[in-house]
Amino acid sequence: MTKAIFTTKVTPSYKDLPERRYHFPRTYLNFVQQTVGDYIIYYEPRRSSAELSSRGGRQSYFAAARVDSVIEDNALADHFFAIMDSSTYLDFDTAVPFQQYDEYYESALRKNDGSTNKGAFGRAVRLIPDDEFDRILKAGFAPVLGEYRASQEVTLPGLSEPPAAFERPIVEMMVSRPFRERSFMYNVRAAYSNRCAITGLKLINGGGRPEVQAAHIQPVASKGPDSVRNGLALSGTVHWMFDRGLISIGDDFKILLAKDRVPDDAVRLLNQSGSINLPKDETLYPNGQYLKFHRDVVFKK
């Protein structure tokens, strides 16, 4: 097993859905097959689409996931899919630029003279050593790592101070449910600016913490990923109604109500526009696949 970088654009020319699959040509088959059972990091290049002149990509690493298998694309010759274990997908809490000052997270991208190795950079799939992989993960999850580690410290009987937190490998931390929940909450709140997507309310308590919660559109119990695109920032009452199928969302982002199940007092809380508030970043909008799952499986029509 080997770790790797998978490159995917904002508007991919391939059939990518990072939470679930990565589409690639035979050129990279050998590399991708080596990653099965191991983790990869997604990278977003400067080009936002297949157009050579396109721009707008972040030039940053933005998420990680574990590769479950590789299958052939029966609809397109010499193309394949890397199938992700969606339960392991996790957006970074902060995008990580490929280069910071004179340092490259991937040593293979730096020439001896200090310039960027464009040949290596042009490869959509790049194998990466474990130490470089860990450095990217630590940078990507830096905003919540300190808080999570502090929460793992415990004071033993007879000790006046808690011992230093055990330094778990970053991949182990990434797959633990408490860490994933913290990271998912951080990302969803940030995407929606701490404002409820369905009511527009933005409440901050006396300690400076936002009231809004992070809701999964397709539940984790139904194999929904911890992706911002599978998340909504919702106030407590609306979160409860959404999880129980009293409220859902259309592909046009209109708010849908279960017939004769939502009391008038609750309806008055909803956005008067009839639509949800969306993140400023369009790449973080709720994904249609997860919205459809909620309407088909959770929503009480």
Protein backbone atom coordinates (compact mmCIF):
# COMPACT_ATOMS: atom_id res chain seq x y z
CA MET A 1 0.00 0.00 0.00
CA THR A 2 1.19 3.50 -0.83
CA LYS A 3 -0.14 6.98 -0.18
CA ALA A 4 -0.70 9.42 -3.03
CA ILE A 5 -1.97 12.78 -4.21
CA PHE A 6 -5.02 12.77 -6.51
CA THR A 7 -5.64 15.95 -8.51
CA THR A 8 -9.23 17.02 -9.19
CA LYS A 9 -10.54 20.31 -10.56
CA VAL A 10 -13.40 22.53 -9.34
CA THR A 11 -15.26 21.53 -12.51
CA PRO A 12 -13.60 18.21 -13.37
CA SER A 13 -13.36 16.95 -16.94
CA TYR A 14 -13.57 13.45 -15.48
CA LYS A 15 -16.44 11.85 -13.53
CA ASP A 16 -15.05 12.73 -10.14
CA LEU A 17 -17.09 12.86 -6.95
CA PRO A 18 -14.25 13.08 -4.41
CA GLU A 19 -16.28 11.71 -1.52
CA ARG A 20 -17.01 8.51 -3.47
CA ARG A 21 -14.90 8.08 -6.61
CA TYR A 22 -11.92 9.34 -8.60
CA HIS A 23 -11.94 8.94 -12.38
CA PHE A 24 -8.64 8.50 -14.22
CA PRO A 25 -7.07 7.18 -17.47
CA ARG A 26 -4.98 4.01 -17.80
CA THR A 27 -1.81 6.14 -17.61
CA TYR A 28 -2.17 6.21 -13.82
CA LEU A 29 -3.54 2.72 -13.26
CA ASN A 30 -0.36 1.27 -11.75
CA PHE A 31 0.02 4.17 -9.32
CA VAL A 32 -3.62 4.11 -8.24
CA GLN A 33 -3.63 0.33 -7.73
CA GLN A 34 -0.77 0.77 -5.25
CA THR A 35 -2.98 3.02 -3.09
CA VAL A 36 -5.81 0.48 -2.56
CA GLY A 37 -6.31 0.09 1.19
CA ASP A 38 -4.33 3.24 1.95
CA TYR A 39 -5.06 6.96 2.13
CA ILE A 40 -4.83 9.67 -0.51
CA ILE A 41 -4.98 13.46 -0.38
CA TYR A 42 -6.93 15.48 -2.91
CA TYR A 43 -5.28 18.45 -4.60
CA GLU A 44 -7.05 21.25 -6.47
CA PRO A 45 -4.93 22.84 -9.25
CA ARG A 46 -5.04 26.38 -10.58
CA ARG A 47 -7.07 25.35 -13.61
CA SER A 48 -10.73 25.08 -12.59
CA SER A 49 -11.85 23.10 -15.65
CA ALA A 50 -10.52 21.29 -18.73
CA GLU A 51 -10.09 24.63 -20.52
CA LEU A 52 -6.39 25.53 -20.69
CA SER A 53 -7.16 29.18 -19.96
CA SER A 54 -9.34 28.47 -16.91
CA ARG A 55 -8.27 29.78 -13.51
CA GLY A 56 -9.73 29.99 -10.03
CA GLY A 57 -8.49 26.73 -8.48
CA ARG A 58 -6.97 27.04 -5.04
CA GLN A 59 -3.65 25.30 -5.81
CA SER A 60 -4.10 23.57 -2.48
CA TYR A 61 -4.61 20.20 -0.83
CA PHE A 62 -8.17 20.10 0.50
CA ALA A 63 -9.31 16.64 1.68
CA ALA A 64 -8.30 13.06 2.40
CA ALA A 65 -9.91 9.64 1.97
CA ARG A 66 -9.05 5.94 1.87
CA VAL A 67 -9.11 4.06 -1.46
CA ASP A 68 -11.29 0.97 -1.21
CA SER A 69 -10.93 -0.50 -4.71
CA VAL A 70 -10.29 0.17 -8.39
CA ILE A 71 -12.85 -0.72 -11.06
CA GLU A 72 -12.98 -0.29 -14.81
CA ASP A 73 -15.18 2.34 -16.42
CA ASN A 74 -17.37 0.25 -18.72
CA ALA A 75 -18.61 3.35 -20.54
CA LEU A 76 -15.20 4.77 -21.50
CA ALA A 77 -12.32 2.69 -22.80
CA ASP A 78 -9.02 2.77 -20.90
CA HIS A 79 -10.51 4.66 -17.96
CA PHE A 80 -11.03 3.55 -14.37
CA PHE A 81 -12.52 4.60 -11.04
CA ALA A 82 -10.81 4.60 -7.67
CA ILE A 83 -13.68 3.87 -5.29
CA MET A 84 -13.39 5.64 -1.95
CA ASP A 85 -14.50 4.41 1.43
CA SER A 86 -16.90 7.33 1.91
CA SER A 87 -16.83 6.91 5.69
CA THR A 88 -13.17 8.00 5.64
CA TYR A 89 -13.54 11.12 3.45
CA LEU A 90 -12.85 14.32 5.36
CA ASP A 91 -12.43 17.90 4.19
CA PHE A 92 -9.42 19.73 5.58
CA ASP A 93 -10.23 22.48 8.08
CA THR A 94 -8.00 24.77 6.06
CA ALA A 95 -6.76 24.40 2.48
CA VAL A 96 -3.00 23.77 2.34
CA PRO A 97 -1.03 25.53 -0.44
CA PHE A 98 1.40 23.23 -2.26
CA GLN A 99 4.18 25.72 -1.53
CA GLN A 100 4.73 27.96 1.48
CA TYR A 101 7.64 30.36 1.15
CA ASP A 102 10.48 28.18 -0.24
CA GLU A 103 9.10 24.94 1.19
CA TYR A 104 7.21 22.32 -0.80
CA TYR A 105 5.06 19.75 0.97
CA GLU A 106 5.93 17.32 -1.84
CA SER A 107 9.69 17.23 -2.22
CA ALA A 108 9.32 15.79 -5.74
CA LEU A 109 7.80 19.09 -6.87
CA ARG A 110 10.98 21.03 -6.13
CA LYS A 111 13.98 21.10 -8.45
CA ASN A 112 17.53 21.35 -7.12
CA ASP A 113 17.62 25.03 -8.08
CA GLY A 114 14.53 25.70 -5.93
CA SER A 115 12.08 26.12 -8.82
CA THR A 116 8.93 24.06 -9.34
CA ASN A 117 9.26 20.79 -11.22
CA LYS A 118 6.47 21.33 -13.74
CA GLY A 119 6.83 17.85 -15.15
CA ALA A 120 6.13 16.24 -11.78
CA PHE A 121 3.43 18.81 -11.05
CA GLY A 122 1.65 17.91 -14.28
CA ARG A 123 0.95 14.35 -13.12
CA ALA A 124 -2.61 13.98 -11.83
CA VAL A 125 -1.60 11.10 -9.54
CA ARG A 126 1.60 11.35 -7.52
CA LEU A 127 2.88 8.84 -4.96
CA ILE A 128 4.06 10.45 -1.73
CA PRO A 129 6.14 9.29 1.29
CA ASP A 130 4.40 8.83 4.64
CA ASP A 131 6.24 11.72 6.33
CA GLU A 132 5.20 14.22 3.65
CA PHE A 133 1.65 12.88 3.72
CA ASP A 134 1.52 13.39 7.50
CA ARG A 135 2.83 16.96 7.20
CA ILE A 136 0.01 17.87 4.82
CA LEU A 137 -2.60 16.29 7.09
CA LYS A 138 -1.30 18.13 10.15
CA ALA A 139 -1.40 21.43 8.27
CA GLY A 140 -4.89 20.74 6.90
CA PHE A 141 -6.36 19.86 10.29
CA ALA A 142 -4.36 22.38 12.33
CA PRO A 143 -7.40 24.46 13.44
CA VAL A 144 -8.97 21.54 15.34
CA LEU A 145 -5.92 19.45 16.25
CA GLY A 146 -5.08 21.42 19.38
CA GLU A 147 -8.65 21.37 20.65
CA TYR A 148 -8.99 17.65 19.96
CA ARG A 149 -5.72 16.76 21.66
CA ALA A 150 -6.69 18.80 24.72
CA SER A 151 -9.96 16.90 24.94
CA GLN A 152 -8.03 13.62 25.08
CA GLU A 153 -6.06 14.66 28.17
CA VAL A 154 -7.29 13.19 31.44
CA THR A 155 -6.26 13.72 35.04
CA LEU A 156 -5.49 10.48 36.86
CA PRO A 157 -6.28 10.06 40.59
CA GLY A 158 -3.46 11.47 42.71
CA LEU A 159 -2.10 13.73 39.95
CA SER A 160 -2.53 17.50 40.15
CA GLU A 161 -2.01 18.00 36.42
CA PRO A 162 -3.09 15.93 33.43
CA PRO A 163 -0.28 14.05 31.65
CA ALA A 164 0.78 15.12 28.18
CA ALA A 165 -1.66 13.91 25.55
CA PHE A 166 -0.53 10.78 23.75
CA GLU A 167 0.65 11.73 20.27
CA ARG A 168 -1.46 9.50 18.08
CA PRO A 169 -0.62 9.21 14.36
CA ILE A 170 -2.58 11.78 12.41
CA VAL A 171 -4.34 9.13 10.30
CA GLU A 172 -5.57 7.39 13.45
CA MET A 173 -6.93 10.67 14.73
CA MET A 174 -8.60 11.39 11.41
CA VAL A 175 -10.64 8.18 11.50
CA SER A 176 -11.80 8.57 15.11
CA ARG A 177 -15.43 9.66 15.36
CA PRO A 178 -14.86 12.46 17.92
CA PHE A 179 -12.18 14.06 15.75
CA ARG A 180 -14.30 13.76 12.60
CA GLU A 181 -17.30 15.32 14.33
CA ARG A 182 -15.21 18.28 15.51
CA SER A 183 -13.72 18.79 12.06
CA PHE A 184 -17.09 18.45 10.29
CA MET A 185 -18.69 20.95 12.68
CA TYR A 186 -15.82 23.41 12.21
CA ASN A 187 -16.01 23.21 8.42
CA VAL A 188 -19.80 23.43 8.12
CA ARG A 189 -20.06 26.36 10.51
CA ALA A 190 -17.29 28.17 8.65
CA ALA A 191 -18.88 27.51 5.24
CA TYR A 192 -22.21 28.98 6.40
CA SER A 193 -20.64 31.80 8.45
CA ASN A 194 -22.25 30.40 11.64
CA ARG A 195 -25.71 31.14 10.23
CA CYS A 196 -28.59 28.66 10.00
CA ALA A 197 -29.16 27.80 6.34
CA ILE A 198 -32.93 27.46 6.75
CA THR A 199 -33.86 30.24 9.23
CA GLY A 200 -31.03 32.71 8.65
CA LEU A 201 -30.49 33.00 12.41
CA LYS A 202 -26.97 33.67 13.65
CA LEU A 203 -26.85 33.31 17.43
CA ILE A 204 -23.63 33.49 19.47
CA ASN A 205 -23.67 32.52 23.14
CA GLY A 206 -21.99 34.42 25.97
CA GLY A 207 -18.81 32.39 25.54
CA GLY A 208 -18.52 33.37 21.88
CA ARG A 209 -19.66 29.99 20.55
CA PRO A 210 -22.21 29.83 17.71
CA GLU A 211 -25.57 28.17 18.44
CA VAL A 212 -25.78 26.67 14.96
CA GLN A 213 -25.14 22.93 14.59
CA ALA A 214 -23.64 20.87 11.75
CA ALA A 215 -26.19 18.51 10.20
CA HIS A 216 -25.52 15.68 7.76
CA ILE A 217 -27.83 15.63 4.73
CA GLN A 218 -27.29 11.92 4.09
CA PRO A 219 -26.85 10.53 7.61
CA VAL A 220 -23.60 8.92 8.70
CA ALA A 221 -25.63 5.83 9.61
CA SER A 222 -26.61 5.65 5.93
CA LYS A 223 -22.98 6.00 4.79
CA GLY A 224 -23.14 9.74 4.31
CA PRO A 225 -19.65 11.31 4.24
CA ASP A 226 -18.28 13.99 6.57
CA SER A 227 -18.10 16.41 3.66
CA VAL A 228 -19.24 20.04 3.73
CA ARG A 229 -21.21 19.22 0.57
CA ASN A 230 -23.12 16.70 2.68
CA GLY A 231 -23.65 19.22 5.46
CA LEU A 232 -25.90 22.08 6.50
CA ALA A 233 -25.56 24.59 9.31
CA LEU A 234 -28.86 24.41 11.20
CA SER A 235 -30.21 25.77 14.47
CA GLY A 236 -31.18 23.11 17.02
CA THR A 237 -34.93 22.98 16.35
CA VAL A 238 -34.52 22.96 12.57
CA HIS A 239 -31.80 20.29 12.84
CA TRP A 240 -34.27 18.12 14.77
CA MET A 241 -36.96 18.62 12.11
CA PHE A 242 -34.54 17.99 9.25
CA ASP A 243 -33.25 14.73 10.76
CA ARG A 244 -36.83 13.53 11.19
CA GLY A 245 -37.84 14.33 7.65
CA LEU A 246 -40.22 17.20 8.41
CA ILE A 247 -38.10 19.52 6.26
CA SER A 248 -36.05 18.81 3.15
CA ILE A 249 -34.39 20.72 0.29
CA GLY A 250 -34.97 20.61 -3.47
CA ASP A 251 -32.29 20.56 -6.13
CA ASP A 252 -33.05 24.26 -6.62
CA PHE A 253 -32.31 24.78 -2.89
CA LYS A 254 -35.96 25.52 -2.11
CA ILE A 255 -37.17 24.55 1.36
CA LEU A 256 -39.63 21.64 1.29
CA LEU A 257 -42.13 20.93 4.09
CA ALA A 258 -43.78 17.62 4.94
CA LYS A 259 -47.51 18.02 4.39
CA ASP A 260 -49.48 18.85 7.57
CA ARG A 261 -46.52 17.96 9.81
CA VAL A 262 -44.81 21.31 10.46
CA PRO A 263 -46.64 23.64 12.90
CA ASP A 264 -47.28 27.25 11.87
CA ASP A 265 -45.00 28.56 14.64
CA ALA A 266 -42.10 26.62 13.11
CA VAL A 267 -42.97 27.68 9.55
CA ARG A 268 -42.69 31.33 10.60
CA LEU A 269 -39.06 30.73 11.53
CA LEU A 270 -38.07 29.73 8.00
CA ASN A 271 -36.48 32.03 5.43
CA GLN A 272 -39.20 34.14 3.83
CA SER A 273 -37.50 33.68 0.47
CA GLY A 274 -38.39 29.99 0.59
CA SER A 275 -34.78 29.07 -0.19
CA ILE A 276 -31.81 28.18 1.98
CA ASN A 277 -28.85 30.44 2.57
CA LEU A 278 -25.83 29.09 0.70
CA PRO A 279 -22.08 29.29 1.30
CA LYS A 280 -20.18 32.04 -0.51
CA ASP A 281 -17.99 29.34 -2.07
CA GLU A 282 -20.05 27.52 -4.72
CA THR A 283 -17.87 24.42 -4.43
CA LEU A 284 -19.31 23.96 -0.93
CA TYR A 285 -22.97 24.04 -1.97
CA PRO A 286 -25.02 20.97 -0.92
CA ASN A 287 -24.47 18.20 -3.44
CA GLY A 288 -27.51 17.04 -5.41
CA GLN A 289 -26.81 13.37 -4.74
CA TYR A 290 -27.07 13.84 -0.98
CA LEU A 291 -30.11 16.11 -1.25
CA LYS A 292 -31.86 13.43 -3.34
CA PHE A 293 -31.05 10.78 -0.72
CA HIS A 294 -32.64 12.92 1.98
CA ARG A 295 -35.78 13.52 -0.08
CA ASP A 296 -36.09 9.86 -1.09
CA VAL A 297 -35.23 8.17 2.20
CA VAL A 298 -35.68 10.64 5.10
CA PHE A 299 -38.31 13.17 3.98
CA LYS A 300 -41.92 12.46 4.96
CA LYS A 301 -43.63 13.71 1.80
